[in-house]
Every structure is written in structure tokens, then in C-alpha cells.
Amino acid sequence: MITMNLLEELARHLEFCGFGTVADENADGDIHWARMPDSPDDCICVFSTDSGVGGPDSTARFQIMNRAKSTRTAYEVSYAIAQELDEYEGFLNGDGRDVSIEVLNAATGLGPDTKKREVYVTNIAVKYCN
């Protein structure tokens, strides 16, 4: 069995929650991890903001960035992701790691990118439960 990294697991968990489809070598999608592509216009990407989880008592920090042509859509997606993940305790879709998630800040607007697509971010902390 191939072990997913935590970035991919979070992306797959967002897919499981109905936020889109993870892009991979077999399919185009609107959920990405580690790299935000130039298209599609409306998409989500999961980034690591630290070096990762070093053990069972460690916490890893991530940023979930999304963008959309519409400010309202970008905000609503970011807010819905924050609501879905806030105080989440359970297994992630993917390898099934048991985690606890804390939303550190939610639905923060960064303004438009160079193509005038609105960008929002939500920062989370993920801790292994076992």
C-alpha cells in the first residue's frame, strides 16, 4: 500500500467532503496539494506551512488556499472549508490517519491575483490522535 503524505490526505479529505475533485496523474481536478496551478480559475490547494509532523505529539500547520472569479464564491468556499474542518476529530480520507484539526484563522481574503481571481485562505493545525 502506498502511503500518502499529509498534504495529499487533506486534499483527498476535502474531496470526500464534496469540495471538488483531486487532480492527479489520472484526472484533472480542482483540488490540488503543494502547488496551485494557473487553471482552473476556481480551485483549492493545500500547502504545508511548517516542516511537518515529527511524531505523535507534534502538530503540523497547513494553509488551504482557494480562489474564484467571484469574491462571494471564494469567500463562501473558504468559510465552508473552515466550518467543515473546525474541531474535526476523526479519520482522514486516504490512509485514514486519526487526527484532530483546529482552525487557526478562517476565510481571510488576500485580494485578487494577477488574473483578478479572488484568493482566500484558511490556516489549520493538524495533530495526530494516536
C-alpha atoms as a PDB file:
ATOM      1  CA  MET A   1       0.000   0.000   0.000  1.00  0.00           C
ATOM      2  CA  ILE A   2       1.295   3.448  -0.929  1.00  0.00           C
ATOM      3  CA  THR A   3       1.401   5.855   1.970  1.00  0.00           C
ATOM      4  CA  MET A   4       0.051   9.324   1.202  1.00  0.00           C
ATOM      5  CA  ASN A   5       1.669  12.374   2.668  1.00  0.00           C
ATOM      6  CA  LEU A   6      -0.496  14.511   4.912  1.00  0.00           C
ATOM      7  CA  LEU A   7      -0.914  17.199   2.230  1.00  0.00           C
ATOM      8  CA  GLU A   8      -2.472  14.704  -0.144  1.00  0.00           C
ATOM      9  CA  GLU A   9      -4.588  13.203   2.630  1.00  0.00           C
ATOM     10  CA  LEU A  10      -6.039  16.634   3.437  1.00  0.00           C
ATOM     11  CA  ALA A  11      -6.730  17.245  -0.259  1.00  0.00           C
ATOM     12  CA  ARG A  12      -8.456  13.854  -0.530  1.00  0.00           C
ATOM     13  CA  HIS A  13     -10.430  14.619   2.634  1.00  0.00           C
ATOM     14  CA  LEU A  14     -11.683  17.866   1.051  1.00  0.00           C
ATOM     15  CA  GLU A  15     -12.717  15.823  -1.987  1.00  0.00           C
ATOM     16  CA  PHE A  16     -14.534  13.350   0.281  1.00  0.00           C
ATOM     17  CA  CYS A  17     -16.345  16.306   1.907  1.00  0.00           C
ATOM     18  CA  GLY A  18     -17.626  17.409  -1.504  1.00  0.00           C
ATOM     19  CA  PHE A  19     -15.417  20.403  -2.283  1.00  0.00           C
ATOM     20  CA  GLY A  20     -14.280  19.103  -5.683  1.00  0.00           C
ATOM     21  CA  THR A  21     -12.041  16.516  -7.293  1.00  0.00           C
ATOM     22  CA  VAL A  22      -8.360  15.990  -6.507  1.00  0.00           C
ATOM     23  CA  ALA A  23      -6.156  16.416  -9.550  1.00  0.00           C
ATOM     24  CA  ASP A  24      -3.658  13.619 -10.085  1.00  0.00           C
ATOM     25  CA  GLU A  25      -1.885  11.807 -12.904  1.00  0.00           C
ATOM     26  CA  ASN A  26      -5.160  10.106 -13.867  1.00  0.00           C
ATOM     27  CA  ALA A  27      -7.616  13.011 -13.685  1.00  0.00           C
ATOM     28  CA  ASP A  28      -7.944  16.765 -13.951  1.00  0.00           C
ATOM     29  CA  GLY A  29      -9.389  18.332 -10.854  1.00  0.00           C
ATOM     30  CA  ASP A  30      -9.977  21.472  -8.874  1.00  0.00           C
ATOM     31  CA  ILE A  31      -8.305  20.392  -5.618  1.00  0.00           C
ATOM     32  CA  HIS A  32      -4.503  20.402  -5.564  1.00  0.00           C
ATOM     33  CA  TRP A  33      -1.789  19.953  -2.989  1.00  0.00           C
ATOM     34  CA  ALA A  34       1.637  21.592  -2.706  1.00  0.00           C
ATOM     35  CA  ARG A  35       1.206  23.643  -5.912  1.00  0.00           C
ATOM     36  CA  MET A  36      -1.548  25.969  -7.109  1.00  0.00           C
ATOM     37  CA  PRO A  37      -1.814  25.667 -10.897  1.00  0.00           C
ATOM     38  CA  ASP A  38      -2.826  28.553 -13.155  1.00  0.00           C
ATOM     39  CA  SER A  39      -6.085  26.819 -14.047  1.00  0.00           C
ATOM     40  CA  PRO A  40      -8.873  26.154 -13.363  1.00  0.00           C
ATOM     41  CA  ASP A  41      -9.960  29.600 -12.164  1.00  0.00           C
ATOM     42  CA  ASP A  42     -11.995  28.170  -9.263  1.00  0.00           C
ATOM     43  CA  CYS A  43      -9.791  25.796  -7.284  1.00  0.00           C
ATOM     44  CA  ILE A  44      -8.426  24.819  -3.889  1.00  0.00           C
ATOM     45  CA  CYS A  45      -4.867  23.977  -2.848  1.00  0.00           C
ATOM     46  CA  VAL A  46      -3.428  22.611   0.402  1.00  0.00           C
ATOM     47  CA  PHE A  47       0.020  23.888   1.417  1.00  0.00           C
ATOM     48  CA  SER A  48       2.279  22.991   4.334  1.00  0.00           C
ATOM     49  CA  THR A  49       3.360  25.990   6.399  1.00  0.00           C
ATOM     50  CA  ASP A  50       5.926  24.116   8.503  1.00  0.00           C
ATOM     51  CA  SER A  51       8.228  21.140   8.321  1.00  0.00           C
ATOM     52  CA  GLY A  52       5.513  18.610   9.129  1.00  0.00           C
ATOM     53  CA  VAL A  53       4.629  16.237  11.894  1.00  0.00           C
ATOM     54  CA  GLY A  54       7.629  14.909  13.775  1.00  0.00           C
ATOM     55  CA  GLY A  55       5.845  12.413  15.981  1.00  0.00           C
ATOM     56  CA  PRO A  56       2.579  11.540  17.667  1.00  0.00           C
ATOM     57  CA  ASP A  57       2.585  14.633  19.909  1.00  0.00           C
ATOM     58  CA  SER A  58       3.519  17.052  17.132  1.00  0.00           C
ATOM     59  CA  THR A  59       1.292  19.486  15.324  1.00  0.00           C
ATOM     60  CA  ALA A  60       1.592  20.295  11.624  1.00  0.00           C
ATOM     61  CA  ARG A  61       0.305  23.568  10.211  1.00  0.00           C
ATOM     62  CA  PHE A  62      -1.347  23.919   6.824  1.00  0.00           C
ATOM     63  CA  GLN A  63      -2.887  26.616   4.695  1.00  0.00           C
ATOM     64  CA  ILE A  64      -5.854  25.879   2.492  1.00  0.00           C
ATOM     65  CA  MET A  65      -5.953  28.453  -0.295  1.00  0.00           C
ATOM     66  CA  ASN A  66      -8.843  28.811  -2.677  1.00  0.00           C
ATOM     67  CA  ARG A  67      -9.594  31.175  -5.488  1.00  0.00           C
ATOM     68  CA  ALA A  68     -12.572  32.020  -7.658  1.00  0.00           C
ATOM     69  CA  LYS A  69     -13.643  34.580 -10.228  1.00  0.00           C
ATOM     70  CA  SER A  70     -16.270  35.831  -7.772  1.00  0.00           C
ATOM     71  CA  THR A  71     -15.390  37.311  -4.363  1.00  0.00           C
ATOM     72  CA  ARG A  72     -18.559  35.814  -2.910  1.00  0.00           C
ATOM     73  CA  THR A  73     -17.763  32.320  -4.210  1.00  0.00           C
ATOM     74  CA  ALA A  74     -14.160  32.473  -2.967  1.00  0.00           C
ATOM     75  CA  TYR A  75     -15.312  33.596   0.491  1.00  0.00           C
ATOM     76  CA  GLU A  76     -18.135  31.029   0.712  1.00  0.00           C
ATOM     77  CA  VAL A  77     -15.843  28.131  -0.242  1.00  0.00           C
ATOM     78  CA  SER A  78     -13.192  29.223   2.255  1.00  0.00           C
ATOM     79  CA  TYR A  79     -15.787  29.636   5.011  1.00  0.00           C
ATOM     80  CA  ALA A  80     -17.389  26.252   4.234  1.00  0.00           C
ATOM     81  CA  ILE A  81     -13.974  24.538   4.404  1.00  0.00           C
ATOM     82  CA  ALA A  82     -13.299  26.182   7.772  1.00  0.00           C
ATOM     83  CA  GLN A  83     -16.687  25.059   9.090  1.00  0.00           C
ATOM     84  CA  GLU A  84     -16.122  21.505   7.860  1.00  0.00           C
ATOM     85  CA  LEU A  85     -12.677  21.220   9.462  1.00  0.00           C
ATOM     86  CA  ASP A  86     -13.144  23.240  12.675  1.00  0.00           C
ATOM     87  CA  GLU A  87     -12.689  20.979  15.688  1.00  0.00           C
ATOM     88  CA  TYR A  88     -12.725  17.920  13.404  1.00  0.00           C
ATOM     89  CA  GLU A  89     -11.683  14.769  15.214  1.00  0.00           C
ATOM     90  CA  GLY A  90     -11.625  11.554  13.283  1.00  0.00           C
ATOM     91  CA  PHE A  91     -10.076   9.727  10.401  1.00  0.00           C
ATOM     92  CA  LEU A  92      -8.954  11.452   7.232  1.00  0.00           C
ATOM     93  CA  ASN A  93      -9.992  10.014   3.918  1.00  0.00           C
ATOM     94  CA  GLY A  94      -6.928   8.463   2.324  1.00  0.00           C
ATOM     95  CA  ASP A  95      -4.649   6.473   4.596  1.00  0.00           C
ATOM     96  CA  GLY A  96      -7.100   7.007   7.435  1.00  0.00           C
ATOM     97  CA  ARG A  97      -4.949   8.816   9.971  1.00  0.00           C
ATOM     98  CA  ASP A  98      -6.766   9.677  13.180  1.00  0.00           C
ATOM     99  CA  VAL A  99      -6.347  13.428  13.615  1.00  0.00           C
ATOM    100  CA  SER A 100      -7.627  16.444  15.446  1.00  0.00           C
ATOM    101  CA  ILE A 101      -7.911  19.680  13.440  1.00  0.00           C
ATOM    102  CA  GLU A 102      -8.013  23.200  14.804  1.00  0.00           C
ATOM    103  CA  VAL A 103      -8.827  26.175  12.579  1.00  0.00           C
ATOM    104  CA  LEU A 104      -6.335  28.931  13.405  1.00  0.00           C
ATOM    105  CA  ASN A 105      -7.920  31.570  11.188  1.00  0.00           C
ATOM    106  CA  ALA A 106     -10.633  31.266   8.586  1.00  0.00           C
ATOM    107  CA  ALA A 107     -11.755  32.810   5.331  1.00  0.00           C
ATOM    108  CA  THR A 108      -9.081  35.500   5.214  1.00  0.00           C
ATOM    109  CA  GLY A 109      -9.117  37.435   1.956  1.00  0.00           C
ATOM    110  CA  LEU A 110      -5.807  38.092   0.248  1.00  0.00           C
ATOM    111  CA  GLY A 111      -7.304  40.109  -2.602  1.00  0.00           C
ATOM    112  CA  PRO A 112      -7.203  39.367  -6.310  1.00  0.00           C
ATOM    113  CA  ASP A 113      -4.375  37.588  -8.079  1.00  0.00           C
ATOM    114  CA  THR A 114      -2.863  38.836 -11.345  1.00  0.00           C
ATOM    115  CA  LYS A 115      -5.856  37.465 -13.285  1.00  0.00           C
ATOM    116  CA  LYS A 116      -8.344  39.218 -10.975  1.00  0.00           C
ATOM    117  CA  ARG A 117      -9.432  35.989  -9.279  1.00  0.00           C
ATOM    118  CA  GLU A 118     -10.196  36.454  -5.583  1.00  0.00           C
ATOM    119  CA  VAL A 119      -7.983  34.474  -3.186  1.00  0.00           C
ATOM    120  CA  TYR A 120      -8.906  33.370   0.347  1.00  0.00           C
ATOM    121  CA  VAL A 121      -7.028  31.254   2.882  1.00  0.00           C
ATOM    122  CA  THR A 122      -7.811  29.240   5.979  1.00  0.00           C
ATOM    123  CA  ASN A 123      -4.974  28.170   8.292  1.00  0.00           C
ATOM    124  CA  ILE A 124      -5.270  24.947  10.278  1.00  0.00           C
ATOM    125  CA  ALA A 125      -3.272  22.891  12.773  1.00  0.00           C
ATOM    126  CA  VAL A 126      -3.393  19.098  12.483  1.00  0.00           C
ATOM    127  CA  LYS A 127      -2.414  16.811  15.345  1.00  0.00           C
ATOM    128  CA  TYR A 128      -2.249  13.034  15.310  1.00  0.00           C
ATOM    129  CA  CYS A 129      -4.555  11.418  17.843  1.00  0.00           C
ATOM    130  CA  ASN A 130      -2.676   8.111  18.010  1.00  0.00           C
END
